[in-house]
Amino acid sequence: QVQLVESGGGSVQAGGSLRLSCATSGYTFCTGSMSWYRQAPGKEREFVSGINLRDSTTYADSVKGRFTISRDNGKKTIYLQMNSLKPEDTAMYYCRSDTCDYWGQGTQVTVS
């Protein structure tokens, strides 16, 4: 079992930046492969970015070049640095343990 707690969301103007954090606790092996997803009102949840055991990263085309996923193993935290934010990035952002299929509660990002 693993617990995931997201933070760092907020309201920013277009072109601004935010850094989301996903603090993890519980079974360490569950955090080997982690992802960020987002869900905008009226839309399906979509993949944003992922990082695996070897720290290989993947990104949705819509965020490539603007978002960066990373991890700090000592702090057991996954980050999503979001730059050049656009209004279409507005959504609830969720952290997910791909290894164990656990989800956090989400953090809201609003870009105006």
N, C-alpha and C. Protein backbone atom coordinates (compact mmCIF):
# COMPACT_ATOMS: atom_id res chain seq x y z
N GLN A 1 0.84 -1.18 0.00
CA GLN A 1 0.00 0.00 0.00
C GLN A 1 0.88 1.24 0.00
N VAL A 2 0.39 2.31 -0.62
CA VAL A 2 1.13 3.56 -0.66
C VAL A 2 0.15 4.71 -0.54
N GLN A 3 0.59 5.78 0.12
CA GLN A 3 -0.21 6.99 0.23
C GLN A 3 0.44 8.07 -0.61
N LEU A 4 -0.38 8.81 -1.34
CA LEU A 4 0.10 9.88 -2.22
C LEU A 4 -0.63 11.16 -1.87
N VAL A 5 0.12 12.22 -1.60
CA VAL A 5 -0.47 13.50 -1.24
C VAL A 5 0.11 14.59 -2.14
N GLU A 6 -0.75 15.15 -2.97
CA GLU A 6 -0.32 16.20 -3.89
C GLU A 6 -0.43 17.57 -3.23
N SER A 7 0.41 18.49 -3.66
CA SER A 7 0.36 19.88 -3.21
C SER A 7 1.00 20.75 -4.28
N GLY A 8 0.85 22.06 -4.12
CA GLY A 8 1.51 22.99 -5.02
C GLY A 8 0.60 23.62 -6.07
N GLY A 9 -0.64 23.18 -6.13
CA GLY A 9 -1.56 23.77 -7.08
C GLY A 9 -1.92 25.20 -6.69
N GLY A 10 -2.61 25.87 -7.60
CA GLY A 10 -3.02 27.24 -7.32
C GLY A 10 -3.51 27.92 -8.57
N SER A 11 -3.66 29.23 -8.48
CA SER A 11 -4.12 30.04 -9.62
C SER A 11 -2.98 30.90 -10.11
N VAL A 12 -2.73 30.86 -11.41
CA VAL A 12 -1.67 31.66 -12.01
C VAL A 12 -2.16 32.25 -13.32
N GLN A 13 -1.48 33.26 -13.77
CA GLN A 13 -1.78 33.83 -15.08
C GLN A 13 -1.05 33.05 -16.16
N ALA A 14 -1.58 33.12 -17.36
CA ALA A 14 -0.95 32.46 -18.50
C ALA A 14 0.51 32.91 -18.61
N GLY A 15 1.37 31.94 -18.88
CA GLY A 15 2.79 32.20 -18.96
C GLY A 15 3.53 31.97 -17.65
N GLY A 16 2.78 31.79 -16.57
CA GLY A 16 3.39 31.58 -15.27
C GLY A 16 3.84 30.15 -15.05
N SER A 17 4.32 29.89 -13.84
CA SER A 17 4.85 28.58 -13.48
C SER A 17 4.30 28.11 -12.14
N LEU A 18 4.24 26.81 -12.01
CA LEU A 18 3.90 26.17 -10.74
C LEU A 18 4.72 24.90 -10.63
N ARG A 19 4.99 24.49 -9.40
CA ARG A 19 5.62 23.20 -9.18
C ARG A 19 4.73 22.36 -8.27
N LEU A 20 4.26 21.27 -8.80
CA LEU A 20 3.46 20.33 -8.03
C LEU A 20 4.36 19.32 -7.34
N SER A 21 3.94 18.90 -6.16
CA SER A 21 4.66 17.88 -5.42
C SER A 21 3.73 16.73 -5.09
N CYS A 22 4.27 15.54 -5.07
CA CYS A 22 3.53 14.35 -4.68
C CYS A 22 4.36 13.63 -3.62
N ALA A 23 3.95 13.80 -2.36
CA ALA A 23 4.66 13.15 -1.26
C ALA A 23 4.15 11.73 -1.11
N THR A 24 5.07 10.78 -1.04
CA THR A 24 4.68 9.38 -0.96
C THR A 24 5.08 8.78 0.38
N SER A 25 4.31 7.80 0.81
CA SER A 25 4.65 7.04 2.01
C SER A 25 4.08 5.64 1.83
N GLY A 26 4.63 4.69 2.56
CA GLY A 26 4.18 3.32 2.42
C GLY A 26 5.21 2.48 1.68
N TYR A 27 4.75 1.48 0.94
CA TYR A 27 5.65 0.56 0.27
C TYR A 27 6.50 1.27 -0.79
N THR A 28 7.79 1.25 -0.58
CA THR A 28 8.69 1.94 -1.49
C THR A 28 8.60 1.40 -2.92
N PHE A 29 8.40 0.07 -3.03
CA PHE A 29 8.39 -0.51 -4.38
C PHE A 29 7.23 0.03 -5.20
N CYS A 30 6.20 0.57 -4.53
CA CYS A 30 5.06 1.12 -5.26
C CYS A 30 5.38 2.43 -5.96
N THR A 31 6.51 3.04 -5.60
CA THR A 31 6.85 4.33 -6.19
C THR A 31 7.89 4.21 -7.30
N GLY A 32 8.13 2.98 -7.74
CA GLY A 32 9.12 2.79 -8.80
C GLY A 32 8.72 3.50 -10.08
N SER A 33 7.48 3.36 -10.47
CA SER A 33 6.96 4.00 -11.67
C SER A 33 5.80 4.90 -11.26
N MET A 34 5.95 6.18 -11.52
CA MET A 34 4.98 7.17 -11.08
C MET A 34 4.55 8.05 -12.25
N SER A 35 3.34 8.58 -12.16
CA SER A 35 2.84 9.43 -13.23
C SER A 35 2.02 10.58 -12.67
N TRP A 36 1.89 11.60 -13.48
CA TRP A 36 0.94 12.69 -13.24
C TRP A 36 -0.14 12.60 -14.32
N TYR A 37 -1.38 12.75 -13.87
CA TYR A 37 -2.54 12.83 -14.76
C TYR A 37 -3.28 14.12 -14.45
N ARG A 38 -4.17 14.49 -15.32
CA ARG A 38 -5.02 15.67 -15.05
C ARG A 38 -6.41 15.45 -15.63
N GLN A 39 -7.36 16.14 -15.02
CA GLN A 39 -8.74 16.04 -15.49
C GLN A 39 -9.37 17.42 -15.43
N ALA A 40 -9.77 17.90 -16.59
CA ALA A 40 -10.46 19.18 -16.69
C ALA A 40 -11.96 18.93 -16.58
N PRO A 41 -12.74 19.93 -16.18
CA PRO A 41 -14.19 19.77 -16.06
C PRO A 41 -14.80 19.29 -17.36
N GLY A 42 -15.61 18.23 -17.28
CA GLY A 42 -16.29 17.72 -18.45
C GLY A 42 -15.43 16.89 -19.38
N LYS A 43 -14.18 16.64 -18.98
CA LYS A 43 -13.27 15.87 -19.83
C LYS A 43 -12.77 14.64 -19.08
N GLU A 44 -12.26 13.69 -19.85
CA GLU A 44 -11.71 12.48 -19.23
C GLU A 44 -10.33 12.78 -18.64
N ARG A 45 -9.96 11.97 -17.67
CA ARG A 45 -8.62 12.09 -17.09
C ARG A 45 -7.60 11.70 -18.15
N GLU A 46 -6.52 12.48 -18.24
CA GLU A 46 -5.52 12.22 -19.26
C GLU A 46 -4.12 12.20 -18.67
N PHE A 47 -3.27 11.41 -19.31
CA PHE A 47 -1.88 11.30 -18.91
C PHE A 47 -1.14 12.61 -19.20
N VAL A 48 -0.29 13.01 -18.25
CA VAL A 48 0.52 14.21 -18.43
C VAL A 48 2.00 13.84 -18.55
N SER A 49 2.50 13.07 -17.57
CA SER A 49 3.92 12.75 -17.56
C SER A 49 4.18 11.57 -16.66
N GLY A 50 5.24 10.81 -16.95
CA GLY A 50 5.60 9.66 -16.13
C GLY A 50 7.10 9.55 -15.95
N ILE A 51 7.50 8.86 -14.88
CA ILE A 51 8.90 8.61 -14.60
C ILE A 51 9.02 7.19 -14.07
N ASN A 52 10.02 6.44 -14.57
CA ASN A 52 10.13 5.05 -14.14
C ASN A 52 11.33 4.83 -13.24
N LEU A 53 11.59 3.55 -12.93
CA LEU A 53 12.66 3.18 -11.99
C LEU A 53 14.02 3.71 -12.44
N ARG A 54 14.23 3.75 -13.74
CA ARG A 54 15.52 4.21 -14.28
C ARG A 54 15.52 5.72 -14.53
N ASP A 55 14.46 6.39 -14.03
CA ASP A 55 14.30 7.83 -14.20
C ASP A 55 14.13 8.23 -15.65
N SER A 56 13.68 7.30 -16.47
CA SER A 56 13.28 7.66 -17.83
C SER A 56 11.93 8.36 -17.75
N THR A 57 11.76 9.39 -18.55
CA THR A 57 10.55 10.20 -18.46
C THR A 57 9.79 10.21 -19.78
N THR A 58 8.48 10.38 -19.67
CA THR A 58 7.62 10.51 -20.84
C THR A 58 6.67 11.67 -20.61
N TYR A 59 6.22 12.27 -21.69
CA TYR A 59 5.35 13.42 -21.61
C TYR A 59 4.26 13.35 -22.68
N ALA A 60 3.10 13.88 -22.34
CA ALA A 60 2.07 14.09 -23.35
C ALA A 60 2.57 15.16 -24.30
N ASP A 61 2.17 15.06 -25.55
CA ASP A 61 2.61 16.04 -26.55
C ASP A 61 2.21 17.46 -26.14
N SER A 62 1.08 17.59 -25.47
CA SER A 62 0.56 18.92 -25.12
C SER A 62 1.42 19.64 -24.09
N VAL A 63 2.26 18.91 -23.36
CA VAL A 63 3.07 19.55 -22.31
C VAL A 63 4.56 19.43 -22.58
N LYS A 64 4.93 18.71 -23.63
CA LYS A 64 6.35 18.49 -23.92
C LYS A 64 7.06 19.83 -24.12
N GLY A 65 8.21 19.97 -23.46
CA GLY A 65 8.96 21.21 -23.56
C GLY A 65 8.56 22.26 -22.55
N ARG A 66 7.44 22.05 -21.86
CA ARG A 66 6.99 23.02 -20.85
C ARG A 66 7.00 22.43 -19.45
N PHE A 67 6.70 21.14 -19.34
CA PHE A 67 6.63 20.47 -18.04
C PHE A 67 7.83 19.55 -17.87
N THR A 68 8.26 19.41 -16.61
CA THR A 68 9.36 18.50 -16.30
C THR A 68 9.01 17.70 -15.05
N ILE A 69 9.09 16.38 -15.17
CA ILE A 69 8.85 15.50 -14.03
C ILE A 69 10.19 15.10 -13.44
N SER A 70 10.23 14.97 -12.12
CA SER A 70 11.46 14.56 -11.46
C SER A 70 11.11 13.91 -10.13
N ARG A 71 12.11 13.31 -9.49
CA ARG A 71 11.88 12.70 -8.19
C ARG A 71 13.05 12.99 -7.27
N ASP A 72 12.73 13.03 -5.99
CA ASP A 72 13.76 13.14 -4.95
C ASP A 72 13.56 11.92 -4.06
N ASN A 73 14.41 10.92 -4.24
CA ASN A 73 14.23 9.67 -3.49
C ASN A 73 14.40 9.87 -1.99
N GLY A 74 15.28 10.78 -1.61
CA GLY A 74 15.49 11.02 -0.19
C GLY A 74 14.24 11.59 0.48
N LYS A 75 13.53 12.44 -0.26
CA LYS A 75 12.30 13.04 0.27
C LYS A 75 11.07 12.24 -0.11
N LYS A 76 11.27 11.17 -0.90
CA LYS A 76 10.15 10.34 -1.34
C LYS A 76 9.07 11.19 -1.99
N THR A 77 9.51 12.07 -2.85
CA THR A 77 8.59 13.02 -3.47
C THR A 77 8.80 13.06 -4.98
N ILE A 78 7.69 13.14 -5.69
CA ILE A 78 7.71 13.31 -7.13
C ILE A 78 7.28 14.74 -7.43
N TYR A 79 7.92 15.37 -8.38
CA TYR A 79 7.62 16.76 -8.72
C TYR A 79 7.15 16.87 -10.17
N LEU A 80 6.37 17.91 -10.42
CA LEU A 80 6.02 18.29 -11.78
C LEU A 80 6.20 19.80 -11.89
N GLN A 81 7.30 20.20 -12.53
CA GLN A 81 7.55 21.61 -12.78
C GLN A 81 6.80 22.01 -14.05
N MET A 82 5.93 22.99 -13.92
CA MET A 82 5.10 23.41 -15.04
C MET A 82 5.43 24.87 -15.39
N ASN A 83 5.95 25.08 -16.57
CA ASN A 83 6.30 26.42 -17.04
C ASN A 83 5.44 26.79 -18.24
N SER A 84 5.42 28.07 -18.54
CA SER A 84 4.67 28.57 -19.71
C SER A 84 3.24 28.04 -19.69
N LEU A 85 2.61 28.16 -18.55
CA LEU A 85 1.27 27.61 -18.40
C LEU A 85 0.27 28.31 -19.30
N LYS A 86 -0.69 27.52 -19.77
CA LYS A 86 -1.74 27.99 -20.66
C LYS A 86 -3.11 27.77 -20.01
N PRO A 87 -4.11 28.52 -20.41
CA PRO A 87 -5.46 28.29 -19.84
C PRO A 87 -5.92 26.84 -20.02
N GLU A 88 -5.51 26.21 -21.10
CA GLU A 88 -5.93 24.82 -21.33
C GLU A 88 -5.23 23.82 -20.39
N ASP A 89 -4.28 24.29 -19.59
CA ASP A 89 -3.67 23.44 -18.57
C ASP A 89 -4.52 23.40 -17.30
N THR A 90 -5.56 24.20 -17.24
CA THR A 90 -6.44 24.22 -16.08
C THR A 90 -7.08 22.85 -15.88
N ALA A 91 -6.89 22.28 -14.69
CA ALA A 91 -7.41 20.94 -14.40
C ALA A 91 -7.07 20.58 -12.96
N MET A 92 -7.66 19.48 -12.52
CA MET A 92 -7.22 18.84 -11.28
C MET A 92 -6.08 17.90 -11.68
N TYR A 93 -4.98 18.02 -10.97
CA TYR A 93 -3.81 17.20 -11.26
C TYR A 93 -3.66 16.11 -10.20
N TYR A 94 -3.46 14.89 -10.69
CA TYR A 94 -3.38 13.72 -9.82
C TYR A 94 -2.04 13.03 -9.97
N CYS A 95 -1.54 12.55 -8.86
CA CYS A 95 -0.35 11.72 -8.84
C CYS A 95 -0.79 10.26 -8.79
N ARG A 96 -0.10 9.41 -9.50
CA ARG A 96 -0.47 7.99 -9.54
C ARG A 96 0.74 7.10 -9.39
N SER A 97 0.60 6.06 -8.58
CA SER A 97 1.58 4.98 -8.54
C SER A 97 1.19 3.99 -9.63
N ASP A 98 1.96 3.98 -10.70
CA ASP A 98 1.67 3.05 -11.78
C ASP A 98 1.93 1.61 -11.33
N THR A 99 2.95 1.44 -10.48
CA THR A 99 3.33 0.10 -10.05
C THR A 99 2.20 -0.57 -9.28
N CYS A 100 1.54 0.19 -8.41
CA CYS A 100 0.54 -0.38 -7.53
C CYS A 100 -0.87 0.15 -7.78
N ASP A 101 -1.02 1.01 -8.79
CA ASP A 101 -2.32 1.55 -9.17
C ASP A 101 -3.01 2.26 -8.00
N TYR A 102 -2.29 3.20 -7.37
CA TYR A 102 -2.88 4.06 -6.36
C TYR A 102 -2.89 5.49 -6.88
N TRP A 103 -3.91 6.26 -6.41
CA TRP A 103 -4.07 7.64 -6.83
C TRP A 103 -4.08 8.55 -5.61
N GLY A 104 -3.57 9.77 -5.81
CA GLY A 104 -3.73 10.78 -4.79
C GLY A 104 -5.08 11.46 -4.93
N GLN A 105 -5.33 12.45 -4.07
CA GLN A 105 -6.62 13.15 -4.06
C GLN A 105 -6.66 14.29 -5.06
N GLY A 106 -5.52 14.72 -5.53
CA GLY A 106 -5.47 15.76 -6.54
C GLY A 106 -5.19 17.14 -5.98
N THR A 107 -4.69 18.01 -6.85
CA THR A 107 -4.47 19.41 -6.52
C THR A 107 -4.90 20.24 -7.73
N GLN A 108 -5.63 21.32 -7.46
CA GLN A 108 -6.23 22.10 -8.54
C GLN A 108 -5.24 23.12 -9.10
N VAL A 109 -5.18 23.18 -10.42
CA VAL A 109 -4.39 24.19 -11.12
C VAL A 109 -5.34 24.99 -12.01
N THR A 110 -5.30 26.30 -11.84
CA THR A 110 -6.15 27.18 -12.63
C THR A 110 -5.28 28.23 -13.30
N VAL A 111 -5.38 28.31 -14.63
CA VAL A 111 -4.57 29.27 -15.39
C VAL A 111 -5.52 30.21 -16.11
N SER A 112 -5.36 31.50 -15.87
CA SER A 112 -6.27 32.48 -16.47
C SER A 112 -5.52 33.42 -17.40
